[in-house]
Each structure stands twice: as C-alpha cells, then as structure tokens.
Amino acid sequence: MSATMLTVARTDALFVSPLPTGSHPGPEEVATAVRAMVRCYHGSRGCAAEVAARYGEVPEYAVRRMTWARRVIATVFGGDR
C-alpha cells in the first residue's frame, strides 16, 4: 500500500471512529482508533464504504468530520493536509 493509499485508509478509519470531531487525540489514541475501526469494518474498504454512507446521510457533517480526520492523520503520521 503506497503512502497516499495508507493515508487515505487511515483517514477513513479515523472518520468512522467514535473520537469526537474537533478533538486533538495523541498518536497512540489515533493508532488505536484506526486499528479498531479497520477490524470493526473488516478492512479499509469497509471503512471507505461507511464513509460514503455517512456522506450520503449528512453531507454537511461529513465535510467537517473529514477535514478534521485529515488534519489529525497528517499531524500524527505526516503527509498532506
């Protein structure tokens, strides 16, 4: 999995996690949440499918949530914001 694909997979997993939007979780909390969501949704594709479903249900919430998730992943693991 390339760095970009890994970043997307992590971001999707964080997006579907129960961590609150706007929070500032540390690296360990983020890694734990990402692993838990990947297990919960049976892989990164399952996380991506859940992201798509949530965008369809409440797009205005999803945009804020994705912006937050991207920022947190970039801060914790490096990469594009």
PDB file of N, CA and C in Angstrom:
ATOM      1  N   MET A   1       0.863  -1.176   0.000  1.00  0.00           N
ATOM      2  CA  MET A   1       0.000   0.000   0.000  1.00  0.00           C
ATOM      3  C   MET A   1       0.908   1.237   0.000  1.00  0.00           C
ATOM      4  N   SER A   2       0.689   2.133  -0.939  1.00  0.00           N
ATOM      5  CA  SER A   2       1.520   3.340  -1.003  1.00  0.00           C
ATOM      6  C   SER A   2       1.201   4.268   0.167  1.00  0.00           C
ATOM      7  N   ALA A   3       2.101   5.228   0.385  1.00  0.00           N
ATOM      8  CA  ALA A   3       1.900   6.182   1.489  1.00  0.00           C
ATOM      9  C   ALA A   3       0.581   6.919   1.339  1.00  0.00           C
ATOM     10  N   THR A   4       0.252   7.308   0.115  1.00  0.00           N
ATOM     11  CA  THR A   4      -1.002   8.029  -0.107  1.00  0.00           C
ATOM     12  C   THR A   4      -2.203   7.131   0.189  1.00  0.00           C
ATOM     13  N   MET A   5      -2.158   5.892  -0.277  1.00  0.00           N
ATOM     14  CA  MET A   5      -3.259   4.968  -0.008  1.00  0.00           C
ATOM     15  C   MET A   5      -3.366   4.679   1.480  1.00  0.00           C
ATOM     16  N   LEU A   6      -2.235   4.573   2.145  1.00  0.00           N
ATOM     17  CA  LEU A   6      -2.243   4.339   3.586  1.00  0.00           C
ATOM     18  C   LEU A   6      -2.837   5.539   4.320  1.00  0.00           C
ATOM     19  N   THR A   7      -2.494   6.739   3.876  1.00  0.00           N
ATOM     20  CA  THR A   7      -3.057   7.956   4.473  1.00  0.00           C
ATOM     21  C   THR A   7      -4.570   7.989   4.300  1.00  0.00           C
ATOM     22  N   VAL A   8      -5.043   7.649   3.115  1.00  0.00           N
ATOM     23  CA  VAL A   8      -6.488   7.629   2.854  1.00  0.00           C
ATOM     24  C   VAL A   8      -7.165   6.583   3.732  1.00  0.00           C
ATOM     25  N   ALA A   9      -6.571   5.400   3.833  1.00  0.00           N
ATOM     26  CA  ALA A   9      -7.154   4.336   4.656  1.00  0.00           C
ATOM     27  C   ALA A   9      -7.212   4.755   6.122  1.00  0.00           C
ATOM     28  N   ARG A  10      -6.140   5.360   6.611  1.00  0.00           N
ATOM     29  CA  ARG A  10      -6.130   5.830   8.000  1.00  0.00           C
ATOM     30  C   ARG A  10      -7.173   6.920   8.222  1.00  0.00           C
ATOM     31  N   THR A  11      -7.270   7.830   7.272  1.00  0.00           N
ATOM     32  CA  THR A  11      -8.233   8.929   7.393  1.00  0.00           C
ATOM     33  C   THR A  11      -9.662   8.398   7.418  1.00  0.00           C
ATOM     34  N   ASP A  12      -9.970   7.471   6.537  1.00  0.00           N
ATOM     35  CA  ASP A  12     -11.308   6.877   6.528  1.00  0.00           C
ATOM     36  C   ASP A  12     -11.609   6.179   7.854  1.00  0.00           C
ATOM     37  N   ALA A  13     -10.635   5.438   8.357  1.00  0.00           N
ATOM     38  CA  ALA A  13     -10.839   4.734   9.622  1.00  0.00           C
ATOM     39  C   ALA A  13     -11.055   5.714  10.771  1.00  0.00           C
ATOM     40  N   LEU A  14     -10.284   6.789  10.792  1.00  0.00           N
ATOM     41  CA  LEU A  14     -10.472   7.787  11.845  1.00  0.00           C
ATOM     42  C   LEU A  14     -11.826   8.477  11.702  1.00  0.00           C
ATOM     43  N   PHE A  15     -12.235   8.741  10.475  1.00  0.00           N
ATOM     44  CA  PHE A  15     -13.526   9.364  10.200  1.00  0.00           C
ATOM     45  C   PHE A  15     -14.663   8.554  10.831  1.00  0.00           C
ATOM     46  N   VAL A  16     -14.607   7.241  10.706  1.00  0.00           N
ATOM     47  CA  VAL A  16     -15.707   6.404  11.213  1.00  0.00           C
ATOM     48  C   VAL A  16     -15.544   6.031  12.684  1.00  0.00           C
ATOM     49  N   SER A  17     -14.478   6.493  13.299  1.00  0.00           N
ATOM     50  CA  SER A  17     -14.226   6.189  14.706  1.00  0.00           C
ATOM     51  C   SER A  17     -15.145   7.011  15.613  1.00  0.00           C
ATOM     52  N   PRO A  18     -15.235   6.614  16.885  1.00  0.00           N
ATOM     53  CA  PRO A  18     -16.056   7.375  17.828  1.00  0.00           C
ATOM     54  C   PRO A  18     -15.357   8.604  18.413  1.00  0.00           C
ATOM     55  N   LEU A  19     -14.102   8.865  18.031  1.00  0.00           N
ATOM     56  CA  LEU A  19     -13.427  10.056  18.553  1.00  0.00           C
ATOM     57  C   LEU A  19     -14.193  11.297  18.118  1.00  0.00           C
ATOM     58  N   PRO A  20     -14.356  12.261  18.995  1.00  0.00           N
ATOM     59  CA  PRO A  20     -15.160  13.433  18.650  1.00  0.00           C
ATOM     60  C   PRO A  20     -14.468  14.366  17.657  1.00  0.00           C
ATOM     61  N   THR A  21     -15.245  14.851  16.707  1.00  0.00           N
ATOM     62  CA  THR A  21     -14.759  15.838  15.751  1.00  0.00           C
ATOM     63  C   THR A  21     -14.268  17.054  16.518  1.00  0.00           C
ATOM     64  N   GLY A  22     -13.099  17.544  16.130  1.00  0.00           N
ATOM     65  CA  GLY A  22     -12.537  18.711  16.790  1.00  0.00           C
ATOM     66  C   GLY A  22     -11.607  18.366  17.930  1.00  0.00           C
ATOM     67  N   SER A  23     -11.572  17.081  18.306  1.00  0.00           N
ATOM     68  CA  SER A  23     -10.668  16.684  19.386  1.00  0.00           C
ATOM     69  C   SER A  23      -9.227  16.665  18.872  1.00  0.00           C
ATOM     70  N   HIS A  24      -8.299  16.568  19.797  1.00  0.00           N
ATOM     71  CA  HIS A  24      -6.876  16.563  19.468  1.00  0.00           C
ATOM     72  C   HIS A  24      -6.228  15.313  20.058  1.00  0.00           C
ATOM     73  N   PRO A  25      -6.577  14.141  19.514  1.00  0.00           N
ATOM     74  CA  PRO A  25      -6.048  12.899  20.073  1.00  0.00           C
ATOM     75  C   PRO A  25      -4.553  12.763  19.796  1.00  0.00           C
ATOM     76  N   GLY A  26      -3.875  12.085  20.683  1.00  0.00           N
ATOM     77  CA  GLY A  26      -2.458  11.830  20.519  1.00  0.00           C
ATOM     78  C   GLY A  26      -2.217  10.652  19.592  1.00  0.00           C
ATOM     79  N   PRO A  27      -0.962  10.419  19.243  1.00  0.00           N
ATOM     80  CA  PRO A  27      -0.616   9.346  18.308  1.00  0.00           C
ATOM     81  C   PRO A  27      -1.124   7.961  18.727  1.00  0.00           C
ATOM     82  N   GLU A  28      -1.000   7.636  19.997  1.00  0.00           N
ATOM     83  CA  GLU A  28      -1.445   6.316  20.456  1.00  0.00           C
ATOM     84  C   GLU A  28      -2.960   6.171  20.344  1.00  0.00           C
ATOM     85  N   GLU A  29      -3.676   7.211  20.714  1.00  0.00           N
ATOM     86  CA  GLU A  29      -5.148   7.175  20.632  1.00  0.00           C
ATOM     87  C   GLU A  29      -5.606   7.065  19.180  1.00  0.00           C
ATOM     88  N   VAL A  30      -4.948   7.780  18.283  1.00  0.00           N
ATOM     89  CA  VAL A  30      -5.294   7.716  16.860  1.00  0.00           C
ATOM     90  C   VAL A  30      -5.010   6.321  16.314  1.00  0.00           C
ATOM     91  N   ALA A  31      -3.828   5.798  16.597  1.00  0.00           N
ATOM     92  CA  ALA A  31      -3.469   4.468  16.098  1.00  0.00           C
ATOM     93  C   ALA A  31      -4.433   3.404  16.619  1.00  0.00           C
ATOM     94  N   THR A  32      -4.813   3.507  17.874  1.00  0.00           N
ATOM     95  CA  THR A  32      -5.765   2.560  18.462  1.00  0.00           C
ATOM     96  C   THR A  32      -7.123   2.667  17.782  1.00  0.00           C
ATOM     97  N   ALA A  33      -7.591   3.892  17.558  1.00  0.00           N
ATOM     98  CA  ALA A  33      -8.886   4.096  16.898  1.00  0.00           C
ATOM     99  C   ALA A  33      -8.868   3.566  15.473  1.00  0.00           C
ATOM    100  N   VAL A  34      -7.792   3.834  14.749  1.00  0.00           N
ATOM    101  CA  VAL A  34      -7.684   3.366  13.365  1.00  0.00           C
ATOM    102  C   VAL A  34      -7.715   1.836  13.318  1.00  0.00           C
ATOM    103  N   ARG A  35      -6.905   1.199  14.151  1.00  0.00           N
ATOM    104  CA  ARG A  35      -6.888  -0.273  14.174  1.00  0.00           C
ATOM    105  C   ARG A  35      -8.263  -0.844  14.520  1.00  0.00           C
ATOM    106  N   ALA A  36      -8.914  -0.249  15.505  1.00  0.00           N
ATOM    107  CA  ALA A  36     -10.226  -0.739  15.927  1.00  0.00           C
ATOM    108  C   ALA A  36     -11.263  -0.629  14.811  1.00  0.00           C
ATOM    109  N   MET A  37     -11.245   0.467  14.084  1.00  0.00           N
ATOM    110  CA  MET A  37     -12.228   0.660  13.020  1.00  0.00           C
ATOM    111  C   MET A  37     -11.947  -0.245  11.824  1.00  0.00           C
ATOM    112  N   VAL A  38     -10.679  -0.474  11.530  1.00  0.00           N
ATOM    113  CA  VAL A  38     -10.343  -1.396  10.446  1.00  0.00           C
ATOM    114  C   VAL A  38     -10.840  -2.795  10.797  1.00  0.00           C
ATOM    115  N   ARG A  39     -10.680  -3.196  12.044  1.00  0.00           N
ATOM    116  CA  ARG A  39     -11.209  -4.500  12.481  1.00  0.00           C
ATOM    117  C   ARG A  39     -12.743  -4.501  12.444  1.00  0.00           C
ATOM    118  N   CYS A  40     -13.344  -3.446  12.961  1.00  0.00           N
ATOM    119  CA  CYS A  40     -14.808  -3.353  13.047  1.00  0.00           C
ATOM    120  C   CYS A  40     -15.477  -3.437  11.672  1.00  0.00           C
ATOM    121  N   TYR A  41     -14.894  -2.744  10.696  1.00  0.00           N
ATOM    122  CA  TYR A  41     -15.492  -2.692   9.359  1.00  0.00           C
ATOM    123  C   TYR A  41     -14.837  -3.663   8.387  1.00  0.00           C
ATOM    124  N   HIS A  42     -14.045  -4.601   8.905  1.00  0.00           N
ATOM    125  CA  HIS A  42     -13.448  -5.681   8.108  1.00  0.00           C
ATOM    126  C   HIS A  42     -12.520  -5.166   7.009  1.00  0.00           C
ATOM    127  N   GLY A  43     -11.703  -4.187   7.352  1.00  0.00           N
ATOM    128  CA  GLY A  43     -10.699  -3.703   6.418  1.00  0.00           C
ATOM    129  C   GLY A  43     -10.925  -2.267   5.985  1.00  0.00           C
ATOM    130  N   SER A  44      -9.966  -1.781   5.231  1.00  0.00           N
ATOM    131  CA  SER A  44     -10.031  -0.384   4.789  1.00  0.00           C
ATOM    132  C   SER A  44     -11.179  -0.145   3.815  1.00  0.00           C
ATOM    133  N   ARG A  45     -11.527  -1.144   3.024  1.00  0.00           N
ATOM    134  CA  ARG A  45     -12.663  -0.981   2.095  1.00  0.00           C
ATOM    135  C   ARG A  45     -13.975  -0.823   2.853  1.00  0.00           C
ATOM    136  N   GLY A  46     -14.114  -1.545   3.936  1.00  0.00           N
ATOM    137  CA  GLY A  46     -15.309  -1.411   4.763  1.00  0.00           C
ATOM    138  C   GLY A  46     -15.402  -0.028   5.390  1.00  0.00           C
ATOM    139  N   CYS A  47     -14.252   0.503   5.813  1.00  0.00           N
ATOM    140  CA  CYS A  47     -14.229   1.868   6.357  1.00  0.00           C
ATOM    141  C   CYS A  47     -14.629   2.864   5.271  1.00  0.00           C
ATOM    142  N   ALA A  48     -14.088   2.678   4.072  1.00  0.00           N
ATOM    143  CA  ALA A  48     -14.414   3.581   2.961  1.00  0.00           C
ATOM    144  C   ALA A  48     -15.904   3.527   2.627  1.00  0.00           C
ATOM    145  N   ALA A  49     -16.481   2.341   2.671  1.00  0.00           N
ATOM    146  CA  ALA A  49     -17.915   2.202   2.402  1.00  0.00           C
ATOM    147  C   ALA A  49     -18.735   2.935   3.463  1.00  0.00           C
ATOM    148  N   GLU A  50     -18.303   2.846   4.706  1.00  0.00           N
ATOM    149  CA  GLU A  50     -19.014   3.542   5.787  1.00  0.00           C
ATOM    150  C   GLU A  50     -18.878   5.056   5.636  1.00  0.00           C
ATOM    151  N   VAL A  51     -17.713   5.528   5.220  1.00  0.00           N
ATOM    152  CA  VAL A  51     -17.531   6.962   4.954  1.00  0.00           C
ATOM    153  C   VAL A  51     -18.528   7.405   3.890  1.00  0.00           C
ATOM    154  N   ALA A  52     -18.629   6.658   2.812  1.00  0.00           N
ATOM    155  CA  ALA A  52     -19.557   7.006   1.726  1.00  0.00           C
ATOM    156  C   ALA A  52     -20.997   7.040   2.230  1.00  0.00           C
ATOM    157  N   ALA A  53     -21.366   6.082   3.042  1.00  0.00           N
ATOM    158  CA  ALA A  53     -22.730   6.053   3.579  1.00  0.00           C
ATOM    159  C   ALA A  53     -23.004   7.280   4.436  1.00  0.00           C
ATOM    160  N   ARG A  54     -22.044   7.647   5.260  1.00  0.00           N
ATOM    161  CA  ARG A  54     -22.241   8.809   6.131  1.00  0.00           C
ATOM    162  C   ARG A  54     -22.278  10.107   5.332  1.00  0.00           C
ATOM    163  N   TYR A  55     -21.493  10.207   4.258  1.00  0.00           N
ATOM    164  CA  TYR A  55     -21.562  11.389   3.395  1.00  0.00           C
ATOM    165  C   TYR A  55     -22.957  11.505   2.801  1.00  0.00           C
ATOM    166  N   GLY A  56     -23.527  10.376   2.400  1.00  0.00           N
ATOM    167  CA  GLY A  56     -24.859  10.397   1.814  1.00  0.00           C
ATOM    168  C   GLY A  56     -25.931  10.789   2.808  1.00  0.00           C
ATOM    169  N   GLU A  57     -25.761  10.412   4.066  1.00  0.00           N
ATOM    170  CA  GLU A  57     -26.760  10.694   5.089  1.00  0.00           C
ATOM    171  C   GLU A  57     -26.728  12.147   5.551  1.00  0.00           C
ATOM    172  N   VAL A  58     -25.554  12.645   5.850  1.00  0.00           N
ATOM    173  CA  VAL A  58     -25.429  14.003   6.407  1.00  0.00           C
ATOM    174  C   VAL A  58     -24.176  14.666   5.820  1.00  0.00           C
ATOM    175  N   PRO A  59     -24.257  15.143   4.579  1.00  0.00           N
ATOM    176  CA  PRO A  59     -23.055  15.673   3.926  1.00  0.00           C
ATOM    177  C   PRO A  59     -22.415  16.862   4.640  1.00  0.00           C
ATOM    178  N   GLU A  60     -23.220  17.729   5.227  1.00  0.00           N
ATOM    179  CA  GLU A  60     -22.633  18.900   5.884  1.00  0.00           C
ATOM    180  C   GLU A  60     -21.812  18.499   7.109  1.00  0.00           C
ATOM    181  N   TYR A  61     -22.229  17.480   7.818  1.00  0.00           N
ATOM    182  CA  TYR A  61     -21.459  16.955   8.940  1.00  0.00           C
ATOM    183  C   TYR A  61     -20.205  16.242   8.419  1.00  0.00           C
ATOM    184  N   ALA A  62     -20.361  15.483   7.369  1.00  0.00           N
ATOM    185  CA  ALA A  62     -19.268  14.673   6.849  1.00  0.00           C
ATOM    186  C   ALA A  62     -18.093  15.524   6.380  1.00  0.00           C
ATOM    187  N   VAL A  63     -18.367  16.663   5.805  1.00  0.00           N
ATOM    188  CA  VAL A  63     -17.281  17.543   5.352  1.00  0.00           C
ATOM    189  C   VAL A  63     -16.445  18.004   6.543  1.00  0.00           C
ATOM    190  N   ARG A  64     -17.089  18.439   7.596  1.00  0.00           N
ATOM    191  CA  ARG A  64     -16.351  18.857   8.811  1.00  0.00           C
ATOM    192  C   ARG A  64     -15.580  17.689   9.404  1.00  0.00           C
ATOM    193  N   ARG A  65     -16.209  16.532   9.444  1.00  0.00           N
ATOM    194  CA  ARG A  65     -15.577  15.345  10.018  1.00  0.00           C
ATOM    195  C   ARG A  65     -14.350  14.939   9.199  1.00  0.00           C
ATOM    196  N   MET A  66     -14.461  14.949   7.881  1.00  0.00           N
ATOM    197  CA  MET A  66     -13.340  14.553   7.031  1.00  0.00           C
ATOM    198  C   MET A  66     -12.200  15.559   7.136  1.00  0.00           C
ATOM    199  N   THR A  67     -12.511  16.833   7.191  1.00  0.00           N
ATOM    200  CA  THR A  67     -11.477  17.862   7.350  1.00  0.00           C
ATOM    201  C   THR A  67     -10.709  17.627   8.645  1.00  0.00           C
ATOM    202  N   TRP A  68     -11.428  17.354   9.712  1.00  0.00           N
ATOM    203  CA  TRP A  68     -10.797  17.062  10.999  1.00  0.00           C
ATOM    204  C   TRP A  68      -9.939  15.804  10.904  1.00  0.00           C
ATOM    205  N   ALA A  69     -10.488  14.731  10.334  1.00  0.00           N
ATOM    206  CA  ALA A  69      -9.757  13.461  10.251  1.00  0.00           C
ATOM    207  C   ALA A  69      -8.474  13.614   9.438  1.00  0.00           C
ATOM    208  N   ARG A  70      -8.550  14.322   8.327  1.00  0.00           N
ATOM    209  CA  ARG A  70      -7.353  14.547   7.505  1.00  0.00           C
ATOM    210  C   ARG A  70      -6.294  15.316   8.281  1.00  0.00           C
ATOM    211  N   ARG A  71      -6.725  16.330   9.011  1.00  0.00           N
ATOM    212  CA  ARG A  71      -5.785  17.143   9.790  1.00  0.00           C
ATOM    213  C   ARG A  71      -5.110  16.301  10.870  1.00  0.00           C
ATOM    214  N   VAL A  72      -5.882  15.494  11.576  1.00  0.00           N
ATOM    215  CA  VAL A  72      -5.325  14.662  12.647  1.00  0.00           C
ATOM    216  C   VAL A  72      -4.340  13.641  12.070  1.00  0.00           C
ATOM    217  N   ILE A  73      -4.709  12.965  11.003  1.00  0.00           N
ATOM    218  CA  ILE A  73      -3.826  11.969  10.403  1.00  0.00           C
ATOM    219  C   ILE A  73      -2.531  12.618   9.917  1.00  0.00           C
ATOM    220  N   ALA A  74      -2.631  13.770   9.287  1.00  0.00           N
ATOM    221  CA  ALA A  74      -1.434  14.470   8.825  1.00  0.00           C
ATOM    222  C   ALA A  74      -0.538  14.864   9.992  1.00  0.00           C
ATOM    223  N   THR A  75      -1.140  15.297  11.082  1.00  0.00           N
ATOM    224  CA  THR A  75      -0.365  15.695  12.259  1.00  0.00           C
ATOM    225  C   THR A  75       0.328  14.492  12.889  1.00  0.00           C
ATOM    226  N   VAL A  76      -0.384  13.398  13.006  1.00  0.00           N
ATOM    227  CA  VAL A  76       0.146  12.218  13.687  1.00  0.00           C
ATOM    228  C   VAL A  76       1.139  11.440  12.813  1.00  0.00           C
ATOM    229  N   PHE A  77       0.801  11.246  11.540  1.00  0.00           N
ATOM    230  CA  PHE A  77       1.615  10.389  10.687  1.00  0.00           C
ATOM    231  C   PHE A  77       2.412  11.156   9.629  1.00  0.00           C
ATOM    232  N   GLY A  78       2.193  12.461   9.513  1.00  0.00           N
ATOM    233  CA  GLY A  78       2.850  13.244   8.476  1.00  0.00           C
ATOM    234  C   GLY A  78       2.076  13.154   7.167  1.00  0.00           C
ATOM    235  N   GLY A  79       2.429  13.972   6.230  1.00  0.00           N
ATOM    236  CA  GLY A  79       1.766  13.929   4.929  1.00  0.00           C
ATOM    237  C   GLY A  79       0.974  15.182   4.650  1.00  0.00           C
ATOM    238  N   ASP A  80       0.189  15.121   3.582  1.00  0.00           N
ATOM    239  CA  ASP A  80      -0.602  16.263   3.117  1.00  0.00           C
ATOM    240  C   ASP A  80      -1.723  16.569   4.081  1.00  0.00           C
ATOM    241  N   ARG A  81      -2.051  17.817   4.160  1.00  0.00           N
ATOM    242  CA  ARG A  81      -3.204  18.243   4.953  1.00  0.00           C
ATOM    243  C   ARG A  81      -4.265  18.588   4.003  1.00  0.00           C
TER     244      ARG A  81
END
